[in-house]
């Protein structure tokens, strides 16, 4: 369940994920245990190549209920997004292609009270206007334990790739096949400052 995709791309223009407006029409909240069966069925129908069972979802839901968010409108379930919150070992394993993205080892995941070092978008699927709730998702990911972490994904369909492009993801160098990253705005500033300092240090070291 590692292919982010949506039933049809609905974001034509490029937007920064962290600046997407919050929807008042779409409700985004942590999944309930009673919804896991429906979510597994939805993932199998909407995400190409996925075969996920309710017990598979339950394993990660039990580890961190906040890793699966649902999209709903007027009490009708429209879709969901599932994340893997990675610790430092998990982040390194992702970049080096040393982790099983279908059934990731719990030793690579950040605990509920631990700060995430990276966030992997495990899957995203939805009907109709579900994706209008992505701004609500960015609000969820601005929590203190999640805000410092960049997002990663592996789109393997045209719709999934279009969605990633639309919300600011870009391909990143790694041993992982077609890994894309969304760098949080505050991390971009930090990276730019570090690059300037490195350039200055190099210039100062020249004879």
Protein backbone atom coordinates (compact mmCIF):
# COMPACT_ATOMS: atom_id res chain seq x y z
CA UNK A 1 0.00 0.00 0.00
CA UNK A 2 2.73 2.41 -0.97
CA UNK A 3 1.40 4.04 -4.12
CA UNK A 4 -0.20 7.46 -3.54
CA UNK A 5 -3.01 7.89 -6.05
CA UNK A 6 -6.44 9.43 -6.35
CA UNK A 7 -9.40 8.43 -8.50
CA UNK A 8 -8.84 11.47 -10.69
CA UNK A 9 -6.49 14.43 -10.39
CA UNK A 10 -8.37 17.51 -9.16
CA UNK A 11 -5.51 19.97 -8.58
CA UNK A 12 -4.57 21.50 -11.92
CA UNK A 13 -2.26 24.25 -10.64
CA UNK A 14 0.76 23.80 -8.41
CA UNK A 15 0.22 24.63 -4.74
CA UNK A 16 2.42 24.37 -1.67
CA UNK A 17 1.04 21.55 0.49
CA UNK A 18 1.59 23.43 3.75
CA UNK A 19 -0.27 26.47 2.38
CA UNK A 20 -3.34 24.67 1.07
CA UNK A 21 -6.56 26.22 2.44
CA UNK A 22 -8.44 24.27 5.06
CA UNK A 23 -11.80 22.98 3.82
CA UNK A 24 -14.97 23.56 5.80
CA UNK A 25 -16.83 21.12 3.55
CA UNK A 26 -14.60 18.08 3.98
CA UNK A 27 -14.00 16.69 7.45
CA UNK A 28 -10.61 15.10 8.08
CA UNK A 29 -10.04 13.12 11.24
CA UNK A 30 -8.21 10.09 12.61
CA UNK A 31 -9.76 6.86 11.36
CA UNK A 32 -11.98 4.83 13.65
CA UNK A 33 -11.42 1.12 14.17
CA UNK A 34 -14.88 0.40 12.75
CA UNK A 35 -13.83 2.02 9.42
CA UNK A 36 -10.78 -0.14 8.76
CA UNK A 37 -12.65 -2.77 6.74
CA UNK A 38 -14.17 -0.13 4.44
CA UNK A 39 -10.80 1.61 4.10
CA UNK A 40 -9.05 -1.63 3.13
CA UNK A 41 -11.72 -2.25 0.49
CA UNK A 42 -11.38 1.31 -0.83
CA UNK A 43 -7.60 1.02 -1.07
CA UNK A 44 -7.85 -2.26 -2.99
CA UNK A 45 -10.31 -0.72 -5.46
CA UNK A 46 -8.69 2.67 -5.99
CA UNK A 47 -4.94 2.18 -5.56
CA UNK A 48 -3.38 0.23 -8.46
CA UNK A 49 -1.58 -2.95 -7.45
CA UNK A 50 -2.63 -2.81 -3.81
CA UNK A 51 -3.86 -5.86 -1.93
CA UNK A 52 -4.38 -4.82 1.69
CA UNK A 53 -6.42 -6.56 4.36
CA UNK A 54 -8.15 -5.20 7.42
CA UNK A 55 -5.62 -6.95 9.74
CA UNK A 56 -2.79 -5.26 7.82
CA UNK A 57 -4.32 -1.85 8.48
CA UNK A 58 -5.10 -2.76 12.08
CA UNK A 59 -1.43 -3.49 12.84
CA UNK A 60 -0.40 0.08 12.05
CA UNK A 61 -3.60 1.62 13.37
CA UNK A 62 -2.91 -0.03 16.74
CA UNK A 63 0.68 1.24 16.70
CA UNK A 64 -0.36 4.83 15.91
CA UNK A 65 -4.07 5.65 15.26
CA UNK A 66 -3.03 9.09 13.98
CA UNK A 67 -1.30 7.51 10.98
CA UNK A 68 -4.58 6.97 9.11
CA UNK A 69 -6.83 9.96 8.38
CA UNK A 70 -10.26 9.79 6.75
CA UNK A 71 -12.02 12.24 4.43
CA UNK A 72 -15.78 12.53 4.86
CA UNK A 73 -18.62 14.85 3.90
CA UNK A 74 -21.96 14.88 5.67
CA UNK A 75 -21.01 11.66 7.46
CA UNK A 76 -20.23 9.90 4.16
CA UNK A 77 -16.77 8.34 3.95
CA UNK A 78 -15.02 9.67 0.83
CA UNK A 79 -11.48 8.41 1.24
CA UNK A 80 -8.39 8.25 3.41
CA UNK A 81 -4.68 8.88 3.57
CA UNK A 82 -2.25 6.64 5.45
CA UNK A 83 1.20 7.73 6.63
CA UNK A 84 4.25 5.99 8.01
CA UNK A 85 5.91 8.22 10.59
CA UNK A 86 9.60 7.29 10.45
CA UNK A 87 12.33 7.64 13.06
CA UNK A 88 15.92 8.42 12.07
CA UNK A 89 16.69 4.77 11.29
CA UNK A 90 13.53 4.57 9.22
CA UNK A 91 14.41 7.73 7.28
CA UNK A 92 17.84 6.32 6.43
CA UNK A 93 16.33 2.95 5.48
CA UNK A 94 13.84 4.67 3.17
CA UNK A 95 16.53 6.61 1.32
CA UNK A 96 18.73 3.52 1.04
CA UNK A 97 15.84 1.26 -0.08
CA UNK A 98 16.44 -0.96 2.94
CA UNK A 99 12.88 -1.19 4.22
CA UNK A 100 9.80 -3.12 3.20
CA UNK A 101 7.30 -0.41 2.27
CA UNK A 102 4.42 -2.89 2.20
CA UNK A 103 4.98 -4.13 5.75
CA UNK A 104 7.51 -1.76 7.38
CA UNK A 105 9.31 -2.91 10.50
CA UNK A 106 7.96 -1.22 13.63
CA UNK A 107 11.55 -0.59 14.70
CA UNK A 108 11.78 1.98 11.90
CA UNK A 109 8.67 3.89 13.00
CA UNK A 110 8.51 6.83 15.39
CA UNK A 111 6.52 6.13 18.54
CA UNK A 112 3.32 8.04 19.28
CA UNK A 113 5.16 10.50 21.54
CA UNK A 114 8.35 10.67 19.46
CA UNK A 115 9.18 13.31 16.88
CA UNK A 116 9.03 11.98 13.34
CA UNK A 117 12.17 12.41 11.23
CA UNK A 118 10.32 11.76 7.96
CA UNK A 119 6.77 11.05 6.85
CA UNK A 120 6.11 8.49 4.13
CA UNK A 121 2.77 8.79 2.31
CA UNK A 122 1.78 5.13 2.36
CA UNK A 123 -1.40 5.59 0.32
CA UNK A 124 -4.04 8.15 -0.54
CA UNK A 125 -7.34 7.39 -2.22
CA UNK A 126 -10.71 9.04 -2.44
CA UNK A 127 -13.97 9.68 -4.23
CA UNK A 128 -15.31 12.98 -5.52
CA UNK A 129 -14.20 16.03 -3.54
CA UNK A 130 -12.12 14.10 -1.00
CA UNK A 131 -8.88 15.79 -2.08
CA UNK A 132 -10.33 19.17 -1.13
CA UNK A 133 -9.48 18.06 2.40
CA UNK A 134 -5.73 18.05 1.80
CA UNK A 135 -5.45 21.44 3.48
CA UNK A 136 -6.93 19.85 6.60
CA UNK A 137 -4.32 17.11 6.33
CA UNK A 138 -1.51 19.69 6.22
CA UNK A 139 -2.95 21.18 9.41
CA UNK A 140 -2.77 17.74 11.05
CA UNK A 141 0.86 17.38 9.94
CA UNK A 142 1.77 20.74 11.48
CA UNK A 143 1.57 19.21 14.97
CA UNK A 144 4.86 19.68 16.89
CA UNK A 145 5.97 16.04 16.52
CA UNK A 146 5.30 16.03 12.76
CA UNK A 147 6.05 19.57 11.53
CA UNK A 148 9.86 19.15 11.27
CA UNK A 149 9.52 16.08 9.01
CA UNK A 150 9.63 16.25 5.22
CA UNK A 151 7.16 14.08 3.28
CA UNK A 152 8.10 11.29 0.88
CA UNK A 153 6.06 9.32 -1.64
CA UNK A 154 6.39 6.93 -4.57
CA UNK A 155 3.83 7.75 -7.26
CA UNK A 156 3.56 5.00 -9.86
CA UNK A 157 0.53 6.21 -11.79
CA UNK A 158 -0.13 9.35 -13.83
CA UNK A 159 -2.78 10.61 -11.40
CA UNK A 160 -0.56 9.99 -8.40
CA UNK A 161 2.35 11.78 -10.04
CA UNK A 162 0.16 14.72 -11.05
CA UNK A 163 -1.09 15.05 -7.50
CA UNK A 164 2.44 15.02 -6.11
CA UNK A 165 3.52 17.71 -8.58
CA UNK A 166 0.44 19.79 -7.79
CA UNK A 167 1.21 19.97 -4.07
CA UNK A 168 4.94 20.60 -4.33
CA UNK A 169 6.65 17.18 -4.34
CA UNK A 170 9.82 16.77 -6.40
CA UNK A 171 11.98 13.74 -7.28
CA UNK A 172 14.86 13.25 -4.85
CA UNK A 173 18.08 11.30 -5.25
CA UNK A 174 17.97 7.98 -3.41
CA UNK A 175 18.43 4.26 -3.87
CA UNK A 176 14.64 3.96 -3.66
CA UNK A 177 12.96 3.76 -7.06
CA UNK A 178 11.27 7.05 -8.02
CA UNK A 179 11.17 8.55 -4.56
CA UNK A 180 9.64 12.03 -4.35
CA UNK A 181 9.98 14.51 -1.51
CA UNK A 182 8.01 17.47 -0.27
CA UNK A 183 10.33 19.69 1.72
CA UNK A 184 8.57 21.69 4.40
CA UNK A 185 8.94 25.48 3.88
CA UNK A 186 10.85 25.97 7.15
CA UNK A 187 13.30 23.23 6.13
CA UNK A 188 13.88 24.93 2.78
CA UNK A 189 14.95 28.11 4.58
CA UNK A 190 17.30 26.08 6.78
CA UNK A 191 18.77 24.32 3.73
CA UNK A 192 19.30 27.63 1.92
CA UNK A 193 21.09 29.14 4.93
CA UNK A 194 23.31 26.06 5.24
CA UNK A 195 24.16 26.21 1.52
CA UNK A 196 25.11 29.90 1.79
CA UNK A 197 27.30 29.23 4.82
CA UNK A 198 29.00 26.31 3.06
CA UNK A 199 29.66 28.48 -0.03
CA UNK A 200 31.10 31.26 2.12
CA UNK A 201 33.34 28.83 4.00
CA UNK A 202 34.62 27.43 0.72
CA UNK A 203 35.30 30.92 -0.61
CA UNK A 204 37.15 31.88 2.58
CA UNK A 205 39.32 28.76 2.32
CA UNK A 206 40.57 29.67 -1.16
CA UNK A 207 44.10 31.14 -1.34
